[in-house]
Each structure stands twice: as structure tokens, then as C-alpha cells.
């Protein structure tokens, strides 16, 4: 991740405990394991400050990472990963979700 993005996330991060339902734990664990497999685009640069746009997870990288870790990646895990990916992408791109 670019240093400016890491700094922004660290500045905004809050250390709070949270619970994960047992049914979701395998998906959360898989997401955390492959959290480095994002496709990103750098925008701007030159005379203007650049920014990062998070496209989504690289599914080939995710599949290879999960296989290399010996993790089962069935349909339920993939569905969960896509849900977590969408929420993370919106947050990383500064998109506010409303209920």
C-alpha cells in the first residue's frame, strides 16, 4: 500500500473490540489473509497530488493465496469475500454508505 494511504488509515483507525459471529469467522479470516491482493489505480501525480482508487480484489491472487494457505474457498467463502470487498472498497475510496 502507498505510504500516504497507510498513514491515513492509521490516523483514522480506532482500536475497538468487535465480535464476529462464528458462521462468519472463516470468511473474515480469509479476507484478512488476502488483504494484500487489491487492484489499485494511481490517479494524478506530476504537479498535482496523486490519489489511489481501489478497484477490488485480484481474484486470481486471492485464489492462489487461499490455496497456498490450505484454506477451503467454497461458494460461501467467495460470497462473503465479495461482500467484505465491496464494503472495504467503498470505505477505502471514501464512499459513505447509508442504511
N, C-alpha and C. Protein backbone atom coordinates (compact mmCIF):
# COMPACT_ATOMS: atom_id res chain seq x y z
N UNK A 1 0.84 -1.17 0.00
CA UNK A 1 0.00 0.00 0.00
C UNK A 1 0.88 1.24 0.00
N UNK A 2 0.47 2.27 -0.69
CA UNK A 2 1.23 3.52 -0.66
C UNK A 2 1.30 4.08 0.76
N UNK A 3 2.42 4.74 1.07
CA UNK A 3 2.63 5.25 2.42
C UNK A 3 1.55 6.24 2.85
N UNK A 4 1.07 7.08 1.92
CA UNK A 4 0.05 8.06 2.30
C UNK A 4 -1.26 7.38 2.69
N UNK A 5 -1.57 6.28 2.03
CA UNK A 5 -2.79 5.54 2.35
C UNK A 5 -2.65 4.87 3.72
N UNK A 6 -1.49 4.28 3.97
CA UNK A 6 -1.26 3.64 5.27
C UNK A 6 -1.36 4.68 6.38
N UNK A 7 -0.75 5.85 6.17
CA UNK A 7 -0.80 6.91 7.18
C UNK A 7 -2.24 7.36 7.43
N UNK A 8 -3.02 7.49 6.36
CA UNK A 8 -4.42 7.91 6.50
C UNK A 8 -5.22 6.87 7.29
N UNK A 9 -5.03 5.62 6.96
CA UNK A 9 -5.76 4.55 7.65
C UNK A 9 -5.37 4.51 9.12
N UNK A 10 -4.07 4.62 9.40
CA UNK A 10 -3.61 4.61 10.79
C UNK A 10 -4.16 5.80 11.56
N UNK A 11 -4.21 6.97 10.92
CA UNK A 11 -4.72 8.17 11.60
C UNK A 11 -6.21 8.04 11.90
N UNK A 12 -6.94 7.39 11.02
CA UNK A 12 -8.39 7.27 11.19
C UNK A 12 -8.80 6.02 11.96
N UNK A 13 -7.85 5.12 12.16
CA UNK A 13 -8.23 3.86 12.79
C UNK A 13 -8.53 4.04 14.26
N UNK A 14 -9.47 3.27 14.70
CA UNK A 14 -9.84 3.24 16.11
C UNK A 14 -9.67 1.81 16.56
N UNK A 15 -9.02 1.67 17.68
CA UNK A 15 -8.89 0.32 18.21
C UNK A 15 -10.11 0.02 19.05
N UNK A 16 -10.99 -0.75 18.48
CA UNK A 16 -12.20 -1.16 19.18
C UNK A 16 -12.33 -2.67 19.06
N UNK A 17 -12.78 -3.27 20.12
CA UNK A 17 -13.08 -4.69 20.04
C UNK A 17 -14.37 -4.87 19.27
N UNK A 18 -14.46 -5.95 18.56
CA UNK A 18 -15.69 -6.28 17.85
C UNK A 18 -15.84 -7.79 17.84
N UNK A 19 -17.03 -8.21 17.65
CA UNK A 19 -17.29 -9.65 17.63
C UNK A 19 -17.62 -10.09 16.22
N UNK A 20 -17.24 -11.30 15.92
CA UNK A 20 -17.56 -11.92 14.64
C UNK A 20 -18.39 -13.16 14.94
N UNK A 21 -19.53 -13.25 14.31
CA UNK A 21 -20.35 -14.44 14.50
C UNK A 21 -19.57 -15.66 14.02
N UNK A 22 -19.70 -16.77 14.72
CA UNK A 22 -18.96 -17.98 14.33
C UNK A 22 -19.17 -18.39 12.87
N UNK A 23 -20.38 -18.19 12.35
CA UNK A 23 -20.66 -18.55 10.95
C UNK A 23 -19.84 -17.71 9.96
N UNK A 24 -19.40 -16.53 10.40
CA UNK A 24 -18.67 -15.62 9.51
C UNK A 24 -17.16 -15.66 9.71
N UNK A 25 -16.70 -16.39 10.72
CA UNK A 25 -15.28 -16.34 11.07
C UNK A 25 -14.37 -16.79 9.93
N UNK A 26 -14.72 -17.85 9.22
CA UNK A 26 -13.87 -18.35 8.12
C UNK A 26 -13.73 -17.30 7.03
N UNK A 27 -14.80 -16.56 6.74
CA UNK A 27 -14.74 -15.51 5.72
C UNK A 27 -13.87 -14.36 6.18
N UNK A 28 -14.02 -13.94 7.43
CA UNK A 28 -13.20 -12.85 7.96
C UNK A 28 -11.73 -13.26 7.94
N UNK A 29 -11.45 -14.47 8.36
CA UNK A 29 -10.07 -14.96 8.36
C UNK A 29 -9.51 -14.98 6.94
N UNK A 30 -10.30 -15.44 5.98
CA UNK A 30 -9.85 -15.47 4.58
C UNK A 30 -9.60 -14.06 4.06
N UNK A 31 -10.50 -13.12 4.38
CA UNK A 31 -10.35 -11.74 3.92
C UNK A 31 -9.07 -11.12 4.50
N UNK A 32 -8.84 -11.32 5.77
CA UNK A 32 -7.63 -10.77 6.39
C UNK A 32 -6.37 -11.40 5.78
N UNK A 33 -6.44 -12.67 5.46
CA UNK A 33 -5.28 -13.36 4.90
C UNK A 33 -4.91 -12.81 3.52
N UNK A 34 -5.91 -12.44 2.70
CA UNK A 34 -5.64 -11.97 1.34
C UNK A 34 -5.78 -10.46 1.20
N UNK A 35 -5.72 -9.76 2.31
CA UNK A 35 -5.95 -8.31 2.28
C UNK A 35 -4.88 -7.53 1.52
N UNK A 36 -3.83 -8.19 1.08
CA UNK A 36 -2.81 -7.52 0.26
C UNK A 36 -3.07 -7.67 -1.23
N UNK A 37 -4.14 -8.34 -1.61
CA UNK A 37 -4.38 -8.67 -3.01
C UNK A 37 -5.33 -7.70 -3.71
N UNK A 38 -5.16 -6.41 -3.47
CA UNK A 38 -6.02 -5.40 -4.08
C UNK A 38 -5.47 -4.93 -5.42
N UNK A 39 -6.37 -4.64 -6.33
CA UNK A 39 -6.02 -3.94 -7.57
C UNK A 39 -6.30 -2.46 -7.32
N UNK A 40 -5.29 -1.64 -7.56
CA UNK A 40 -5.43 -0.21 -7.33
C UNK A 40 -4.95 0.56 -8.54
N UNK A 41 -5.44 1.79 -8.67
CA UNK A 41 -5.02 2.69 -9.74
C UNK A 41 -4.56 3.98 -9.08
N UNK A 42 -3.39 4.45 -9.48
CA UNK A 42 -2.92 5.75 -9.02
C UNK A 42 -3.45 6.82 -9.97
N UNK A 43 -4.05 7.86 -9.42
CA UNK A 43 -4.59 8.95 -10.23
C UNK A 43 -3.81 10.21 -9.91
N UNK A 44 -3.69 11.07 -10.91
CA UNK A 44 -2.99 12.33 -10.69
C UNK A 44 -1.49 12.14 -10.75
N UNK A 45 -0.80 12.95 -9.99
CA UNK A 45 0.66 12.90 -9.99
C UNK A 45 1.21 14.10 -10.72
N UNK A 46 2.49 14.10 -10.97
CA UNK A 46 3.10 15.24 -11.62
C UNK A 46 3.02 16.45 -10.71
N UNK A 47 2.39 17.50 -11.16
CA UNK A 47 2.28 18.74 -10.39
C UNK A 47 1.14 18.70 -9.37
N UNK A 48 0.25 17.73 -9.50
CA UNK A 48 -0.86 17.63 -8.55
C UNK A 48 -0.66 16.41 -7.66
N UNK A 49 -1.16 16.48 -6.44
CA UNK A 49 -1.02 15.30 -5.57
C UNK A 49 -1.80 14.12 -6.15
N UNK A 50 -1.20 12.97 -6.10
CA UNK A 50 -1.86 11.78 -6.60
C UNK A 50 -2.82 11.20 -5.57
N UNK A 51 -3.69 10.36 -6.04
CA UNK A 51 -4.60 9.67 -5.14
C UNK A 51 -4.70 8.22 -5.61
N UNK A 52 -5.20 7.40 -4.74
CA UNK A 52 -5.33 5.98 -5.03
C UNK A 52 -6.80 5.62 -5.13
N UNK A 53 -7.16 4.90 -6.19
CA UNK A 53 -8.52 4.38 -6.33
C UNK A 53 -8.44 2.87 -6.21
N UNK A 54 -9.21 2.32 -5.29
CA UNK A 54 -9.22 0.89 -5.02
C UNK A 54 -10.27 0.24 -5.91
N UNK A 55 -9.84 -0.61 -6.86
CA UNK A 55 -10.75 -1.24 -7.81
C UNK A 55 -11.45 -2.44 -7.18
N UNK A 56 -10.69 -3.31 -6.58
CA UNK A 56 -11.24 -4.51 -5.97
C UNK A 56 -10.15 -5.54 -5.78
N UNK A 57 -10.51 -6.66 -5.24
CA UNK A 57 -9.54 -7.73 -5.02
C UNK A 57 -9.15 -8.37 -6.35
N UNK A 58 -7.91 -8.79 -6.45
CA UNK A 58 -7.43 -9.56 -7.60
C UNK A 58 -7.81 -11.01 -7.31
N UNK A 59 -8.87 -11.50 -7.95
CA UNK A 59 -9.41 -12.82 -7.62
C UNK A 59 -8.42 -13.95 -7.89
N UNK A 60 -7.57 -13.81 -8.91
CA UNK A 60 -6.55 -14.83 -9.15
C UNK A 60 -5.57 -14.87 -7.98
N UNK A 61 -5.17 -13.69 -7.51
CA UNK A 61 -4.28 -13.61 -6.36
C UNK A 61 -4.93 -14.14 -5.09
N UNK A 62 -6.22 -13.84 -4.94
CA UNK A 62 -6.97 -14.34 -3.78
C UNK A 62 -7.02 -15.86 -3.81
N UNK A 63 -7.37 -16.42 -4.97
CA UNK A 63 -7.46 -17.88 -5.09
C UNK A 63 -6.12 -18.54 -4.80
N UNK A 64 -5.05 -17.97 -5.35
CA UNK A 64 -3.71 -18.53 -5.12
C UNK A 64 -3.32 -18.40 -3.65
N UNK A 65 -3.63 -17.26 -3.05
CA UNK A 65 -3.29 -17.06 -1.64
C UNK A 65 -4.03 -18.02 -0.72
N UNK A 66 -5.31 -18.20 -0.98
CA UNK A 66 -6.10 -19.12 -0.16
C UNK A 66 -5.63 -20.56 -0.35
N UNK A 67 -5.36 -20.93 -1.60
CA UNK A 67 -4.88 -22.30 -1.87
C UNK A 67 -3.53 -22.53 -1.20
N UNK A 68 -2.66 -21.53 -1.28
CA UNK A 68 -1.35 -21.66 -0.67
C UNK A 68 -1.41 -21.78 0.85
N UNK A 69 -2.46 -21.20 1.43
CA UNK A 69 -2.64 -21.28 2.88
C UNK A 69 -3.40 -22.53 3.29
N UNK A 70 -3.84 -23.30 2.30
CA UNK A 70 -4.60 -24.51 2.60
C UNK A 70 -6.02 -24.22 3.06
N UNK A 71 -6.55 -23.04 2.68
CA UNK A 71 -7.91 -22.66 3.08
C UNK A 71 -8.90 -23.10 2.02
N UNK A 72 -10.01 -23.68 2.46
CA UNK A 72 -11.10 -24.04 1.55
C UNK A 72 -11.79 -22.77 1.09
N UNK A 73 -12.00 -22.64 -0.20
CA UNK A 73 -12.66 -21.46 -0.74
C UNK A 73 -13.91 -21.88 -1.49
N UNK A 74 -14.90 -22.34 -0.74
CA UNK A 74 -16.17 -22.73 -1.34
C UNK A 74 -17.02 -21.51 -1.69
N UNK A 75 -18.20 -21.78 -2.19
CA UNK A 75 -19.10 -20.71 -2.63
C UNK A 75 -19.43 -19.73 -1.50
N UNK A 76 -19.64 -20.23 -0.30
CA UNK A 76 -20.00 -19.34 0.82
C UNK A 76 -18.85 -18.39 1.15
N UNK A 77 -17.62 -18.88 1.11
CA UNK A 77 -16.47 -18.01 1.38
C UNK A 77 -16.35 -16.95 0.30
N UNK A 78 -16.51 -17.33 -0.96
CA UNK A 78 -16.41 -16.35 -2.05
C UNK A 78 -17.51 -15.29 -1.95
N UNK A 79 -18.73 -15.72 -1.61
CA UNK A 79 -19.81 -14.73 -1.43
C UNK A 79 -19.45 -13.76 -0.32
N UNK A 80 -18.98 -14.29 0.80
CA UNK A 80 -18.60 -13.45 1.92
C UNK A 80 -17.46 -12.51 1.58
N UNK A 81 -16.46 -13.02 0.85
CA UNK A 81 -15.34 -12.18 0.44
C UNK A 81 -15.81 -11.03 -0.45
N UNK A 82 -16.75 -11.30 -1.34
CA UNK A 82 -17.24 -10.24 -2.23
C UNK A 82 -18.02 -9.18 -1.46
N UNK A 83 -18.76 -9.60 -0.44
CA UNK A 83 -19.48 -8.64 0.41
C UNK A 83 -18.48 -7.77 1.18
N UNK A 84 -17.47 -8.42 1.77
CA UNK A 84 -16.46 -7.67 2.52
C UNK A 84 -15.65 -6.77 1.59
N UNK A 85 -15.35 -7.26 0.39
CA UNK A 85 -14.62 -6.47 -0.59
C UNK A 85 -15.38 -5.18 -0.94
N UNK A 86 -16.68 -5.30 -1.19
CA UNK A 86 -17.48 -4.13 -1.56
C UNK A 86 -17.49 -3.10 -0.43
N UNK A 87 -17.66 -3.55 0.80
CA UNK A 87 -17.68 -2.62 1.93
C UNK A 87 -16.31 -1.98 2.12
N UNK A 88 -15.25 -2.77 2.02
CA UNK A 88 -13.90 -2.24 2.19
C UNK A 88 -13.56 -1.27 1.06
N UNK A 89 -13.93 -1.61 -0.18
CA UNK A 89 -13.65 -0.74 -1.32
C UNK A 89 -14.32 0.61 -1.14
N UNK A 90 -15.58 0.60 -0.72
CA UNK A 90 -16.28 1.87 -0.51
C UNK A 90 -15.59 2.70 0.56
N UNK A 91 -15.20 2.05 1.65
CA UNK A 91 -14.52 2.77 2.73
C UNK A 91 -13.18 3.32 2.25
N UNK A 92 -12.39 2.49 1.58
CA UNK A 92 -11.07 2.93 1.10
C UNK A 92 -11.18 4.06 0.09
N UNK A 93 -12.26 4.07 -0.71
CA UNK A 93 -12.46 5.12 -1.71
C UNK A 93 -13.23 6.31 -1.16
N UNK A 94 -13.55 6.30 0.13
CA UNK A 94 -14.24 7.43 0.74
C UNK A 94 -15.71 7.52 0.41
N UNK A 95 -16.33 6.41 0.03
CA UNK A 95 -17.75 6.39 -0.28
C UNK A 95 -18.52 6.06 0.99
N UNK A 96 -19.45 6.92 1.34
CA UNK A 96 -20.23 6.73 2.56
C UNK A 96 -21.47 5.94 2.22
N UNK A 97 -21.67 4.85 2.96
CA UNK A 97 -22.85 4.02 2.76
C UNK A 97 -23.95 4.47 3.71
N UNK A 98 -25.17 4.47 3.22
CA UNK A 98 -26.32 4.82 4.05
C UNK A 98 -27.24 3.63 4.16
N UNK A 99 -27.89 3.52 5.31
CA UNK A 99 -28.86 2.44 5.50
C UNK A 99 -30.16 2.77 4.82
